Amino acid sequence: MAAFIAWVLVLAIAAYACAGGTDYGAGFWDLLAGGAERGRRPRWLIDHAMAPVWEANNVWLIFVLVIMWTGFPTMFQAVFSAMWLPLALAAVGLVLRGAGFALRKPTRRLAQRRIYGAVFAISSLLTPFFLGTVLGGIAAGRVKVGTTASADAWANGTSVLVGRTAIAIVLVGPVLVLLYRLATMGELEELTDADTRAAGAPGDDL
């Protein structure tokens, strides 16, 4: 039974990594979309592409926590005792990115919209990084029953590597989802043609 619960936990983590990772990466690409006018269209496309997974992402995270808590309570206690700091920082990042995304839309002033957008983007990268450091610490065997909270548990080389890998993964996911959504919306070919015309404009003048 324990093996079955472990596989359910692994599948739930994978589902959250795919859906939630796509969501996190959208914040970074939103930041690089451009200024108020130039970035308006890309930001609308990003919001539209992320809409199907935006609300459901945190459900996977809650499911992971519940399965871990009920199926492996000893491990749950050990992980949260030894790595409460990165988990707390990840939780703060979740709150900040949700607040930044929600408050940016109704805000009229450009300066405030930029602040909320920056909060949304930065927290979208910090959250998967800290979650990755926790996963890396567990994979490296730094968490055992009775392990006290320390930076060595989550700031070691393996944890930092997994955290950086998590950021790389979340940056790739939104690109694939956005391309798929653009293709299904029939706008990918239009954007490609527009870029081709823009690139060929100087040559036409010659």
N, C-alpha and C. Protein backbone atom coordinates (compact mmCIF):
# COMPACT_ATOMS: atom_id res chain seq x y z
N MET A 1 0.83 -1.21 0.00
CA MET A 1 0.00 0.00 0.00
C MET A 1 0.86 1.26 0.00
N ALA A 2 1.96 1.21 0.74
CA ALA A 2 2.84 2.37 0.80
C ALA A 2 3.43 2.68 -0.58
N ALA A 3 3.76 1.62 -1.33
CA ALA A 3 4.33 1.82 -2.66
C ALA A 3 3.30 2.48 -3.58
N PHE A 4 2.05 2.05 -3.47
CA PHE A 4 0.99 2.64 -4.30
C PHE A 4 0.82 4.12 -3.98
N ILE A 5 0.79 4.46 -2.70
CA ILE A 5 0.65 5.87 -2.30
C ILE A 5 1.84 6.68 -2.78
N ALA A 6 3.03 6.07 -2.73
CA ALA A 6 4.23 6.77 -3.19
C ALA A 6 4.14 7.09 -4.68
N TRP A 7 3.63 6.14 -5.47
CA TRP A 7 3.48 6.39 -6.91
C TRP A 7 2.42 7.45 -7.18
N VAL A 8 1.36 7.45 -6.40
CA VAL A 8 0.34 8.51 -6.54
C VAL A 8 0.96 9.86 -6.23
N LEU A 9 1.81 9.90 -5.21
CA LEU A 9 2.48 11.14 -4.84
C LEU A 9 3.41 11.60 -5.95
N VAL A 10 4.16 10.68 -6.54
CA VAL A 10 5.06 11.02 -7.63
C VAL A 10 4.29 11.57 -8.83
N LEU A 11 3.18 10.92 -9.18
CA LEU A 11 2.36 11.37 -10.31
C LEU A 11 1.75 12.75 -10.03
N ALA A 12 1.34 12.98 -8.79
CA ALA A 12 0.78 14.29 -8.43
C ALA A 12 1.84 15.38 -8.53
N ILE A 13 3.05 15.07 -8.08
CA ILE A 13 4.15 16.05 -8.19
C ILE A 13 4.45 16.33 -9.66
N ALA A 14 4.44 15.29 -10.49
CA ALA A 14 4.69 15.48 -11.92
C ALA A 14 3.60 16.34 -12.56
N ALA A 15 2.35 16.10 -12.16
CA ALA A 15 1.25 16.91 -12.70
C ALA A 15 1.39 18.37 -12.29
N TYR A 16 1.78 18.59 -11.04
CA TYR A 16 1.97 19.97 -10.59
C TYR A 16 3.16 20.62 -11.29
N ALA A 17 4.21 19.85 -11.54
CA ALA A 17 5.38 20.39 -12.22
C ALA A 17 5.03 20.81 -13.65
N CYS A 18 4.17 20.04 -14.31
CA CYS A 18 3.79 20.37 -15.70
C CYS A 18 2.83 21.56 -15.74
N ALA A 19 1.72 21.45 -15.01
CA ALA A 19 0.71 22.51 -15.05
C ALA A 19 1.18 23.76 -14.32
N GLY A 20 1.66 23.57 -13.09
CA GLY A 20 2.14 24.71 -12.32
C GLY A 20 3.39 25.33 -12.91
N GLY A 21 4.27 24.50 -13.47
CA GLY A 21 5.48 25.03 -14.08
C GLY A 21 5.18 25.94 -15.26
N THR A 22 4.21 25.55 -16.06
CA THR A 22 3.79 26.40 -17.17
C THR A 22 3.27 27.73 -16.66
N ASP A 23 2.53 27.67 -15.59
CA ASP A 23 1.96 28.88 -14.98
C ASP A 23 3.05 29.80 -14.45
N TYR A 24 4.04 29.24 -13.76
CA TYR A 24 5.12 30.04 -13.21
C TYR A 24 5.93 30.73 -14.31
N GLY A 25 6.27 29.98 -15.34
CA GLY A 25 7.08 30.56 -16.40
C GLY A 25 6.40 31.70 -17.13
N ALA A 26 5.07 31.69 -17.14
CA ALA A 26 4.33 32.77 -17.81
C ALA A 26 4.65 34.11 -17.18
N GLY A 27 4.90 34.13 -15.88
CA GLY A 27 5.23 35.39 -15.22
C GLY A 27 6.52 35.99 -15.74
N PHE A 28 7.51 35.15 -16.00
CA PHE A 28 8.79 35.65 -16.51
C PHE A 28 8.63 36.21 -17.92
N TRP A 29 7.96 35.46 -18.80
CA TRP A 29 7.78 35.94 -20.16
C TRP A 29 6.87 37.16 -20.21
N ASP A 30 5.98 37.27 -19.23
CA ASP A 30 5.15 38.46 -19.14
C ASP A 30 6.02 39.69 -18.88
N LEU A 31 7.05 39.52 -18.04
CA LEU A 31 7.94 40.64 -17.73
C LEU A 31 8.73 41.07 -18.96
N LEU A 32 9.10 40.14 -19.83
CA LEU A 32 9.90 40.44 -21.02
C LEU A 32 9.05 40.76 -22.25
N ALA A 33 7.75 40.90 -22.07
CA ALA A 33 6.86 41.11 -23.21
C ALA A 33 7.06 42.48 -23.87
N GLY A 34 7.56 43.45 -23.11
CA GLY A 34 7.78 44.78 -23.67
C GLY A 34 7.06 45.84 -22.86
N GLY A 35 7.04 47.05 -23.39
CA GLY A 35 6.40 48.17 -22.73
C GLY A 35 4.89 48.08 -22.73
N ALA A 36 4.26 49.18 -22.33
CA ALA A 36 2.80 49.17 -22.19
C ALA A 36 2.11 48.90 -23.51
N GLU A 37 2.56 49.54 -24.58
CA GLU A 37 1.91 49.37 -25.88
C GLU A 37 2.41 48.13 -26.60
N ARG A 38 3.73 47.99 -26.67
CA ARG A 38 4.31 46.85 -27.39
C ARG A 38 3.98 45.52 -26.72
N GLY A 39 3.87 45.53 -25.41
CA GLY A 39 3.63 44.28 -24.70
C GLY A 39 2.18 43.96 -24.43
N ARG A 40 1.28 44.85 -24.86
CA ARG A 40 -0.13 44.61 -24.56
C ARG A 40 -0.64 43.33 -25.21
N ARG A 41 -0.35 43.17 -26.49
CA ARG A 41 -0.82 41.98 -27.21
C ARG A 41 -0.17 40.69 -26.68
N PRO A 42 1.17 40.64 -26.51
CA PRO A 42 1.75 39.42 -25.95
C PRO A 42 1.22 39.07 -24.57
N ARG A 43 0.99 40.07 -23.72
CA ARG A 43 0.47 39.79 -22.37
C ARG A 43 -0.94 39.24 -22.44
N TRP A 44 -1.73 39.76 -23.38
CA TRP A 44 -3.09 39.22 -23.54
C TRP A 44 -3.03 37.77 -23.98
N LEU A 45 -2.11 37.46 -24.89
CA LEU A 45 -1.97 36.08 -25.37
C LEU A 45 -1.50 35.16 -24.25
N ILE A 46 -0.57 35.66 -23.42
CA ILE A 46 -0.09 34.85 -22.30
C ILE A 46 -1.22 34.57 -21.32
N ASP A 47 -2.00 35.59 -20.98
CA ASP A 47 -3.13 35.40 -20.06
C ASP A 47 -4.14 34.43 -20.65
N HIS A 48 -4.40 34.55 -21.94
CA HIS A 48 -5.37 33.67 -22.59
C HIS A 48 -4.87 32.23 -22.64
N ALA A 49 -3.57 32.06 -22.89
CA ALA A 49 -3.01 30.71 -22.98
C ALA A 49 -2.97 30.02 -21.61
N MET A 50 -2.75 30.80 -20.55
CA MET A 50 -2.64 30.23 -19.21
C MET A 50 -3.99 30.02 -18.54
N ALA A 51 -5.05 30.58 -19.11
CA ALA A 51 -6.37 30.52 -18.47
C ALA A 51 -6.83 29.10 -18.13
N PRO A 52 -6.63 28.09 -19.00
CA PRO A 52 -7.12 26.74 -18.67
C PRO A 52 -6.46 26.10 -17.45
N VAL A 53 -5.23 26.51 -17.11
CA VAL A 53 -4.52 25.86 -16.01
C VAL A 53 -4.32 26.77 -14.81
N TRP A 54 -4.70 28.03 -14.93
CA TRP A 54 -4.41 29.00 -13.86
C TRP A 54 -5.09 28.61 -12.55
N GLU A 55 -6.38 28.33 -12.58
CA GLU A 55 -7.13 28.07 -11.35
C GLU A 55 -6.84 26.69 -10.77
N ALA A 56 -6.51 25.73 -11.62
CA ALA A 56 -6.38 24.34 -11.15
C ALA A 56 -4.99 24.00 -10.63
N ASN A 57 -4.01 24.86 -10.83
CA ASN A 57 -2.64 24.50 -10.48
C ASN A 57 -2.45 24.23 -9.00
N ASN A 58 -2.93 25.14 -8.17
CA ASN A 58 -2.72 24.97 -6.73
C ASN A 58 -3.49 23.79 -6.15
N VAL A 59 -4.48 23.30 -6.89
CA VAL A 59 -5.19 22.10 -6.43
C VAL A 59 -4.23 20.91 -6.39
N TRP A 60 -3.35 20.83 -7.39
CA TRP A 60 -2.35 19.75 -7.40
C TRP A 60 -1.41 19.87 -6.21
N LEU A 61 -1.03 21.10 -5.86
CA LEU A 61 -0.13 21.30 -4.73
C LEU A 61 -0.80 20.87 -3.43
N ILE A 62 -2.05 21.24 -3.26
CA ILE A 62 -2.80 20.82 -2.07
C ILE A 62 -2.94 19.30 -2.03
N PHE A 63 -3.17 18.70 -3.19
CA PHE A 63 -3.30 17.25 -3.26
C PHE A 63 -1.99 16.57 -2.85
N VAL A 64 -0.86 17.12 -3.29
CA VAL A 64 0.44 16.59 -2.91
C VAL A 64 0.64 16.66 -1.40
N LEU A 65 0.31 17.80 -0.81
CA LEU A 65 0.48 17.96 0.63
C LEU A 65 -0.42 17.02 1.42
N VAL A 66 -1.65 16.83 0.96
CA VAL A 66 -2.58 15.95 1.67
C VAL A 66 -2.11 14.50 1.59
N ILE A 67 -1.69 14.06 0.40
CA ILE A 67 -1.20 12.69 0.23
C ILE A 67 0.05 12.46 1.08
N MET A 68 0.94 13.43 1.09
CA MET A 68 2.17 13.30 1.87
C MET A 68 1.87 13.29 3.36
N TRP A 69 0.92 14.10 3.78
CA TRP A 69 0.57 14.21 5.20
C TRP A 69 -0.11 12.94 5.71
N THR A 70 -1.05 12.41 4.93
CA THR A 70 -1.80 11.23 5.37
C THR A 70 -1.06 9.92 5.09
N GLY A 71 -0.32 9.86 3.98
CA GLY A 71 0.37 8.62 3.63
C GLY A 71 1.72 8.45 4.29
N PHE A 72 2.42 9.56 4.48
CA PHE A 72 3.76 9.50 5.06
C PHE A 72 3.92 10.61 6.10
N PRO A 73 3.21 10.52 7.22
CA PRO A 73 3.24 11.59 8.22
C PRO A 73 4.62 11.83 8.82
N THR A 74 5.41 10.77 8.98
CA THR A 74 6.75 10.95 9.53
C THR A 74 7.63 11.74 8.58
N MET A 75 7.57 11.40 7.31
CA MET A 75 8.33 12.14 6.31
C MET A 75 7.83 13.58 6.21
N PHE A 76 6.53 13.74 6.28
CA PHE A 76 5.94 15.08 6.23
C PHE A 76 6.48 15.96 7.35
N GLN A 77 6.52 15.40 8.56
CA GLN A 77 7.03 16.16 9.70
C GLN A 77 8.51 16.47 9.55
N ALA A 78 9.27 15.49 9.07
CA ALA A 78 10.71 15.70 8.92
C ALA A 78 11.01 16.78 7.88
N VAL A 79 10.31 16.74 6.75
CA VAL A 79 10.54 17.71 5.69
C VAL A 79 10.17 19.12 6.14
N PHE A 80 9.02 19.26 6.76
CA PHE A 80 8.57 20.59 7.16
C PHE A 80 9.35 21.12 8.36
N SER A 81 9.93 20.24 9.14
CA SER A 81 10.75 20.70 10.25
C SER A 81 12.12 21.15 9.78
N ALA A 82 12.70 20.42 8.85
CA ALA A 82 14.05 20.73 8.39
C ALA A 82 14.07 21.82 7.32
N MET A 83 12.98 21.96 6.58
CA MET A 83 12.98 22.90 5.44
C MET A 83 11.84 23.90 5.53
N TRP A 84 11.56 24.36 6.72
CA TRP A 84 10.45 25.29 6.87
C TRP A 84 10.74 26.63 6.20
N LEU A 85 12.01 27.03 6.15
CA LEU A 85 12.33 28.33 5.56
C LEU A 85 12.09 28.38 4.06
N PRO A 86 12.65 27.46 3.24
CA PRO A 86 12.35 27.52 1.81
C PRO A 86 10.87 27.28 1.51
N LEU A 87 10.21 26.43 2.30
CA LEU A 87 8.79 26.22 2.11
C LEU A 87 7.99 27.48 2.43
N ALA A 88 8.41 28.20 3.46
CA ALA A 88 7.73 29.45 3.81
C ALA A 88 7.96 30.50 2.72
N LEU A 89 9.18 30.57 2.19
CA LEU A 89 9.47 31.51 1.11
C LEU A 89 8.68 31.16 -0.15
N ALA A 90 8.53 29.86 -0.43
CA ALA A 90 7.72 29.45 -1.57
C ALA A 90 6.25 29.84 -1.37
N ALA A 91 5.76 29.69 -0.13
CA ALA A 91 4.38 30.07 0.16
C ALA A 91 4.18 31.58 0.00
N VAL A 92 5.15 32.36 0.46
CA VAL A 92 5.09 33.81 0.27
C VAL A 92 5.09 34.15 -1.22
N GLY A 93 5.91 33.43 -1.99
CA GLY A 93 5.94 33.65 -3.43
C GLY A 93 4.60 33.34 -4.08
N LEU A 94 3.94 32.29 -3.65
CA LEU A 94 2.62 31.96 -4.18
C LEU A 94 1.62 33.08 -3.93
N VAL A 95 1.66 33.63 -2.72
CA VAL A 95 0.73 34.71 -2.38
C VAL A 95 1.05 35.97 -3.19
N LEU A 96 2.33 36.31 -3.29
CA LEU A 96 2.72 37.53 -3.99
C LEU A 96 2.42 37.44 -5.48
N ARG A 97 2.66 36.29 -6.10
CA ARG A 97 2.41 36.19 -7.54
C ARG A 97 0.92 36.24 -7.83
N GLY A 98 0.11 35.65 -6.96
CA GLY A 98 -1.34 35.74 -7.14
C GLY A 98 -1.84 37.16 -6.96
N ALA A 99 -1.30 37.84 -5.94
CA ALA A 99 -1.71 39.22 -5.70
C ALA A 99 -1.26 40.14 -6.83
N GLY A 100 -0.02 39.95 -7.29
CA GLY A 100 0.48 40.78 -8.38
C GLY A 100 -0.32 40.60 -9.65
N PHE A 101 -0.67 39.37 -9.96
CA PHE A 101 -1.44 39.10 -11.17
C PHE A 101 -2.85 39.67 -11.07
N ALA A 102 -3.47 39.52 -9.89
CA ALA A 102 -4.85 39.99 -9.72
C ALA A 102 -4.95 41.51 -9.64
N LEU A 103 -3.99 42.15 -8.98
CA LEU A 103 -4.06 43.59 -8.78
C LEU A 103 -3.62 44.37 -10.01
N ARG A 104 -2.87 43.73 -10.89
CA ARG A 104 -2.38 44.45 -12.06
C ARG A 104 -3.50 44.78 -13.04
N LYS A 105 -4.46 43.89 -13.19
CA LYS A 105 -5.49 44.08 -14.20
C LYS A 105 -6.36 45.31 -13.95
N PRO A 106 -6.91 45.51 -12.73
CA PRO A 106 -7.78 46.68 -12.53
C PRO A 106 -7.04 47.98 -12.32
N THR A 107 -5.71 47.95 -12.18
CA THR A 107 -4.95 49.16 -11.91
C THR A 107 -4.85 50.02 -13.16
N ARG A 108 -5.10 51.31 -13.01
CA ARG A 108 -5.08 52.24 -14.13
C ARG A 108 -3.71 52.88 -14.35
N ARG A 109 -3.01 53.17 -13.26
CA ARG A 109 -1.73 53.86 -13.37
C ARG A 109 -0.65 52.92 -13.88
N LEU A 110 0.11 53.40 -14.86
CA LEU A 110 1.13 52.57 -15.50
C LEU A 110 2.22 52.17 -14.52
N ALA A 111 2.64 53.09 -13.64
CA ALA A 111 3.70 52.79 -12.69
C ALA A 111 3.30 51.66 -11.75
N GLN A 112 2.07 51.68 -11.28
CA GLN A 112 1.61 50.62 -10.39
C GLN A 112 1.48 49.30 -11.14
N ARG A 113 1.03 49.37 -12.40
CA ARG A 113 0.93 48.14 -13.19
C ARG A 113 2.31 47.50 -13.37
N ARG A 114 3.33 48.32 -13.55
CA ARG A 114 4.68 47.79 -13.70
C ARG A 114 5.17 47.16 -12.40
N ILE A 115 4.84 47.78 -11.28
CA ILE A 115 5.25 47.22 -9.98
C ILE A 115 4.59 45.86 -9.77
N TYR A 116 3.27 45.80 -10.00
CA TYR A 116 2.56 44.53 -9.82
C TYR A 116 3.06 43.48 -10.81
N GLY A 117 3.38 43.91 -12.03
CA GLY A 117 3.91 42.97 -13.00
C GLY A 117 5.27 42.43 -12.60
N ALA A 118 6.12 43.30 -12.03
CA ALA A 118 7.43 42.86 -11.57
C ALA A 118 7.31 41.89 -10.40
N VAL A 119 6.39 42.17 -9.48
CA VAL A 119 6.14 41.26 -8.36
C VAL A 119 5.68 39.90 -8.87
N PHE A 120 4.78 39.92 -9.83
CA PHE A 120 4.26 38.69 -10.43
C PHE A 120 5.38 37.89 -11.08
N ALA A 121 6.28 38.57 -11.80
CA ALA A 121 7.34 37.88 -12.52
C ALA A 121 8.41 37.34 -11.58
N ILE A 122 8.87 38.17 -10.65
CA ILE A 122 9.95 37.74 -9.76
C ILE A 122 9.49 36.59 -8.86
N SER A 123 8.29 36.71 -8.30
CA SER A 123 7.79 35.63 -7.44
C SER A 123 7.51 34.37 -8.23
N SER A 124 7.23 34.50 -9.53
CA SER A 124 7.01 33.33 -10.38
C SER A 124 8.29 32.53 -10.59
N LEU A 125 9.44 33.16 -10.40
CA LEU A 125 10.71 32.46 -10.51
C LEU A 125 11.23 31.97 -9.16
N LEU A 126 11.02 32.79 -8.12
CA LEU A 126 11.51 32.41 -6.80
C LEU A 126 10.75 31.22 -6.23
N THR A 127 9.45 31.15 -6.49
CA THR A 127 8.64 30.05 -5.94
C THR A 127 9.11 28.69 -6.44
N PRO A 128 9.23 28.46 -7.76
CA PRO A 128 9.73 27.14 -8.19
C PRO A 128 11.17 26.88 -7.77
N PHE A 129 11.97 27.94 -7.62
CA PHE A 129 13.35 27.74 -7.17
C PHE A 129 13.37 27.15 -5.76
N PHE A 130 12.62 27.74 -4.85
CA PHE A 130 12.62 27.25 -3.47
C PHE A 130 11.97 25.86 -3.38
N LEU A 131 10.92 25.62 -4.17
CA LEU A 131 10.34 24.28 -4.19
C LEU A 131 11.36 23.26 -4.72
N GLY A 132 12.14 23.69 -5.70
CA GLY A 132 13.18 22.81 -6.24
C GLY A 132 14.28 22.52 -5.24
N THR A 133 14.64 23.52 -4.43
CA THR A 133 15.67 23.28 -3.42
C THR A 133 15.19 22.26 -2.38
N VAL A 134 13.90 22.31 -2.07
CA VAL A 134 13.35 21.32 -1.13
C VAL A 134 13.43 19.92 -1.73
N LEU A 135 13.02 19.80 -2.99
CA LEU A 135 13.07 18.50 -3.66
C LEU A 135 14.50 18.01 -3.79
N GLY A 136 15.43 18.93 -4.08
CA GLY A 136 16.83 18.54 -4.18
C GLY A 136 17.41 18.09 -2.86
N GLY A 137 17.02 18.75 -1.77
CA GLY A 137 17.48 18.33 -0.45
C GLY A 137 16.98 16.95 -0.07
N ILE A 138 15.73 16.66 -0.42
CA ILE A 138 15.18 15.32 -0.16
C ILE A 138 15.91 14.28 -0.99
N ALA A 139 16.13 14.58 -2.29
CA ALA A 139 16.81 13.64 -3.17
C ALA A 139 18.26 13.39 -2.73
N ALA A 140 18.88 14.40 -2.14
CA ALA A 140 20.28 14.26 -1.70
C ALA A 140 20.40 13.59 -0.35
N GLY A 141 19.28 13.24 0.27
CA GLY A 141 19.32 12.57 1.56
C GLY A 141 19.64 13.49 2.72
N ARG A 142 19.39 14.79 2.56
CA ARG A 142 19.71 15.73 3.63
C ARG A 142 18.61 15.80 4.69
N VAL A 143 17.47 15.17 4.42
CA VAL A 143 16.35 15.22 5.37
C VAL A 143 16.09 13.82 5.92
N LYS A 144 16.20 13.68 7.23
CA LYS A 144 15.90 12.45 7.92
C LYS A 144 15.11 12.77 9.18
N VAL A 145 14.57 11.76 9.79
CA VAL A 145 13.83 11.97 11.03
C VAL A 145 14.77 12.54 12.09
N GLY A 146 14.39 13.66 12.64
CA GLY A 146 15.21 14.30 13.65
C GLY A 146 16.15 15.36 13.11
N THR A 147 16.17 15.54 11.77
CA THR A 147 17.03 16.57 11.19
C THR A 147 16.53 17.95 11.58
N THR A 148 17.41 18.77 12.09
CA THR A 148 17.03 20.12 12.48
C THR A 148 17.12 21.07 11.29
N ALA A 149 16.41 22.16 11.40
CA ALA A 149 16.41 23.14 10.31
C ALA A 149 17.78 23.78 10.18
N SER A 150 18.32 23.77 8.98
CA SER A 150 19.60 24.39 8.71
C SER A 150 19.72 24.67 7.23
N ALA A 151 20.61 25.59 6.89
CA ALA A 151 20.81 25.93 5.49
C ALA A 151 21.39 24.75 4.71
N ASP A 152 22.11 23.87 5.38
CA ASP A 152 22.72 22.73 4.71
C ASP A 152 21.68 21.79 4.11
N ALA A 153 20.47 21.80 4.67
CA ALA A 153 19.43 20.89 4.19
C ALA A 153 18.90 21.30 2.83
N TRP A 154 18.91 22.62 2.53
CA TRP A 154 18.30 23.07 1.27
C TRP A 154 19.19 24.01 0.46
N ALA A 155 20.33 24.42 0.99
CA ALA A 155 21.22 25.32 0.26
C ALA A 155 22.48 24.61 -0.22
N ASN A 156 22.45 23.29 -0.29
CA ASN A 156 23.60 22.53 -0.78
C ASN A 156 23.63 22.53 -2.31
N GLY A 157 24.68 21.94 -2.86
CA GLY A 157 24.85 21.96 -4.30
C GLY A 157 23.73 21.29 -5.06
N THR A 158 23.26 20.13 -4.59
CA THR A 158 22.19 19.42 -5.27
C THR A 158 20.90 20.23 -5.24
N SER A 159 20.59 20.83 -4.10
CA SER A 159 19.36 21.61 -3.98
C SER A 159 19.37 22.81 -4.92
N VAL A 160 20.50 23.51 -4.96
CA VAL A 160 20.60 24.67 -5.84
C VAL A 160 20.49 24.25 -7.30
N LEU A 161 21.11 23.11 -7.65
CA LEU A 161 21.04 22.62 -9.03
C LEU A 161 19.60 22.27 -9.40
N VAL A 162 18.89 21.59 -8.51
CA VAL A 162 17.49 21.24 -8.80
C VAL A 162 16.63 22.50 -8.86
N GLY A 163 16.92 23.47 -8.01
CA GLY A 163 16.17 24.73 -8.06
C GLY A 163 16.36 25.47 -9.37
N ARG A 164 17.59 25.51 -9.85
CA ARG A 164 17.86 26.16 -11.13
C ARG A 164 17.26 25.36 -12.28
N THR A 165 17.27 24.04 -12.17
CA THR A 165 16.64 23.21 -13.19
C THR A 165 15.13 23.46 -13.22
N ALA A 166 14.53 23.64 -12.05
CA ALA A 166 13.09 23.94 -11.99
C ALA A 166 12.78 25.24 -12.72
N ILE A 167 13.64 26.24 -12.54
CA ILE A 167 13.42 27.51 -13.23
C ILE A 167 13.52 27.31 -14.74
N ALA A 168 14.52 26.53 -15.19
CA ALA A 168 14.67 26.27 -16.62
C ALA A 168 13.45 25.56 -17.19
N ILE A 169 12.90 24.63 -16.43
CA ILE A 169 11.73 23.88 -16.90
C ILE A 169 10.52 24.80 -17.02
N VAL A 170 10.31 25.66 -16.02
CA VAL A 170 9.13 26.51 -16.06
C VAL A 170 9.24 27.58 -17.14
N LEU A 171 10.45 27.86 -17.62
CA LEU A 171 10.59 28.82 -18.70
C LEU A 171 10.26 28.21 -20.06
N VAL A 172 10.45 26.91 -20.19
CA VAL A 172 10.17 26.25 -21.46
C VAL A 172 8.69 25.92 -21.60
N GLY A 173 8.03 25.52 -20.53
CA GLY A 173 6.63 25.11 -20.59
C GLY A 173 5.71 26.13 -21.20
N PRO A 174 5.73 27.40 -20.77
CA PRO A 174 4.81 28.38 -21.32
C PRO A 174 5.00 28.61 -22.82
N VAL A 175 6.23 28.49 -23.30
CA VAL A 175 6.48 28.69 -24.72
C VAL A 175 5.73 27.65 -25.54
N LEU A 176 5.82 26.39 -25.10
CA LEU A 176 5.13 25.31 -25.82
C LEU A 176 3.62 25.48 -25.76
N VAL A 177 3.11 25.83 -24.57
CA VAL A 177 1.67 26.01 -24.43
C VAL A 177 1.20 27.20 -25.25
N LEU A 178 1.97 28.28 -25.25
CA LEU A 178 1.58 29.48 -25.99
C LEU A 178 1.58 29.20 -27.49
N LEU A 179 2.58 28.48 -27.99
CA LEU A 179 2.60 28.13 -29.41
C LEU A 179 1.41 27.27 -29.78
N TYR A 180 1.07 26.32 -28.92
CA TYR A 180 -0.09 25.46 -29.19
C TYR A 180 -1.37 26.26 -29.21
N ARG A 181 -1.53 27.16 -28.22
CA ARG A 181 -2.75 27.96 -28.15
C ARG A 181 -2.85 28.91 -29.34
N LEU A 182 -1.72 29.47 -29.76
CA LEU A 182 -1.74 30.34 -30.92
C LEU A 182 -2.12 29.57 -32.17
N ALA A 183 -1.61 28.35 -32.29
CA ALA A 183 -1.95 27.53 -33.45
C ALA A 183 -3.43 27.19 -33.48
N THR A 184 -3.99 26.85 -32.32
CA THR A 184 -5.41 26.52 -32.27
C THR A 184 -6.28 27.75 -32.48
N MET A 185 -5.76 28.93 -32.11
CA MET A 185 -6.51 30.17 -32.32
C MET A 185 -6.34 30.70 -33.73
N GLY A 186 -5.45 30.10 -34.52
CA GLY A 186 -5.24 30.55 -35.89
C GLY A 186 -4.41 31.81 -36.00
N GLU A 187 -3.68 32.18 -34.93
CA GLU A 187 -2.91 33.42 -34.94
C GLU A 187 -1.42 33.18 -35.12
N LEU A 188 -0.97 31.94 -35.03
CA LEU A 188 0.45 31.68 -35.17
C LEU A 188 0.93 32.03 -36.57
N GLU A 189 0.17 31.65 -37.59
CA GLU A 189 0.57 31.96 -38.96
C GLU A 189 0.52 33.46 -39.20
N GLU A 190 -0.47 34.14 -38.59
CA GLU A 190 -0.56 35.59 -38.76
C GLU A 190 0.65 36.30 -38.17
N LEU A 191 1.07 35.87 -36.96
CA LEU A 191 2.24 36.48 -36.32
C LEU A 191 3.51 36.18 -37.12
N THR A 192 3.63 34.96 -37.65
CA THR A 192 4.79 34.59 -38.45
C THR A 192 4.87 35.42 -39.72
N ASP A 193 3.73 35.61 -40.37
CA ASP A 193 3.70 36.43 -41.58
C ASP A 193 4.08 37.87 -41.28
N ALA A 194 3.61 38.37 -40.11
CA ALA A 194 3.93 39.75 -39.73
C ALA A 194 5.43 39.91 -39.50
N ASP A 195 6.04 38.92 -38.84
CA ASP A 195 7.48 38.98 -38.61
C ASP A 195 8.25 38.88 -39.93
N THR A 196 7.75 38.06 -40.83
CA THR A 196 8.42 37.91 -42.13
C THR A 196 8.36 39.21 -42.92
N ARG A 197 7.20 39.86 -42.90
CA ARG A 197 7.06 41.13 -43.60
C ARG A 197 7.97 42.19 -42.98
N ALA A 198 8.05 42.19 -41.64
CA ALA A 198 8.91 43.17 -40.95
C ALA A 198 10.37 42.93 -41.28
N ALA A 199 10.77 41.66 -41.34
CA ALA A 199 12.17 41.34 -41.64
C ALA A 199 12.51 41.64 -43.08
N GLY A 200 11.54 41.53 -43.97
CA GLY A 200 11.80 41.76 -45.38
C GLY A 200 11.63 43.19 -45.82
N ALA A 201 11.16 44.03 -44.91
CA ALA A 201 10.92 45.42 -45.29
C ALA A 201 12.17 46.15 -45.75
N PRO A 202 13.31 46.08 -45.03
CA PRO A 202 14.51 46.78 -45.48
C PRO A 202 14.99 46.32 -46.86
N GLY A 203 14.89 45.02 -47.11
CA GLY A 203 15.31 44.51 -48.40
C GLY A 203 14.43 44.99 -49.51
N ASP A 204 13.13 45.18 -49.23
CA ASP A 204 12.23 45.67 -50.24
C ASP A 204 12.58 47.11 -50.64
N ASP A 205 13.04 47.87 -49.64
CA ASP A 205 13.38 49.26 -49.96
C ASP A 205 14.60 49.34 -50.84
N LEU A 206 15.51 48.39 -50.70
CA LEU A 206 16.68 48.39 -51.56
C LEU A 206 16.33 47.99 -52.97
